[in-house]
Amino acid sequence: MQSYEEFLAEVLIDERTLNARVAELGAEISRDYQGEDLVLICILRGALPFLVDLMRYVTVPHAIDCMAVSSYGVGRYSSTGNVRVTYDLQTNIEGRNVLLVEDIIDSGHTIAHVLEMLGTRHPKSLKVCALLDKAERRETPVPVDYCGFIIPNKYVFGYGLDIDDYYRNLRFVGVVDLSKYNQPA
């Protein structure tokens, strides 16, 4: 596996900017859910670092849970909306305020499916918090109630976002120079 420095085109969002925005999101969420029952649901695996940092800034009492979904499309970076849940919630969300925590919203297919599915479980409210929003790539309209950053249509990695399951641990969001990235065989 090559070092990310070899194919990093640019640092799109640095660590300091990420930390500041996550703190702001936590403060917004804390204000909006003051006195309410809140469940943060992490969409695995990419949103895990974001959830861990975000929940430290959410000052209202809250529960957390996780779910994993996979979507299949044509080509490695696309989703057609064929989504399946590979790990479901362990928490009953009926009558509770639910905030989905997602790393990136691209086409919107996956999050739309998750919202529809969780809506059948009768939460009190169901909202979305996304670290990154590639709004220009949207194919399915979805609400993004809390947005960290709107980003251009670039292939990004770091801070939970992977390249072939690597580099999720980086403390920044970088852009891949695909001409320099050698994909594993």
Foldseek 3Di string as FASTA:
>chain_A
DDDQVQFFPWFPWFLVLLLVLLLVLLVVQLVVQPPFEEEEEEAPDLQVLSVVSNVVNNPDDYHYWYWYKDADDPDDPDGPLRMDTPGDTPDQQAQHAYEYEEAEDAQNSHVVVVCVVVVVSHHPYYAYDYAEYQPVRHNDDDDHPHYNYYDHPFDKAECRRDDVPPRPPHSTITGGNVVRDDDDD
